[in-house]
Amino acid sequence: MLYLTVVLLLTFATGWELIIQQDIHAEHKVFDVSTKTTLLENENNSLLFPFMKVGNIDWNNIPYPYEFIIIWVGSNLGGGLYNNAVKWTQTSILSTDVHLSTDYICTNSDQATCPATGSDSGFHGLQYDSITDKCIFDGDGTRSGLWFNCPSALTDEHGAIPGPNTKWVQHKSILIHTLSISQSLSLSL
């Protein structure tokens, strides 16, 4: 419950908007296969799982480069609690176009918390997954057939969904920053 409170505070207080959320313990734990085409599921109610409203984003109204936060929560299949959040920017939108470049730059203040990027299971920003039938967006885009860092799973494995650095998690949320600097300044005045 604390996790949900943190996500809600981010969305209401700071200009971050929840765009993807998945919880393996929910009644409907994975995305419907039709979501891979529409990029929408429970898009009008972020309290329902899974949730995605990427297909309704007006990218012309989002500050560029696009800034995201992904939050992973859960216990690794090998045991132990695993929680991590990563803030990053990328130059491509989230869409069904598989030819976009992500230009991932981790902007966490503690760079040690950034996921590994050097392997096939590394995080490289989000891109449409055209390789597997397990994921909608993947953190390694079209680099491999692996699906780690997938925040939008179409299937689960052993009661978990893939997370960063080859970990398995139970919950994921992705937020996008929606306020430009000028909007932020006008809100603070």
Foldseek 3Di string as FASTA:
>chain_A
DVVVVVVVCCCPPPQKNWAWKAFLPAPPGADALCCLAQQADVAVDVVHPGGHDLNVDPVVQADPQWKKKKWFWAAFPVGDTDTAMWIWTFRDGEDNDLPDAGQIDTDPPPCVRQFDQPDQQTFRGWYAAPQESFAGIARNRPPDNDGACGRHTRDADPSFHHYGPRTTGRMMIMIIRRDDPVRVVVVVD
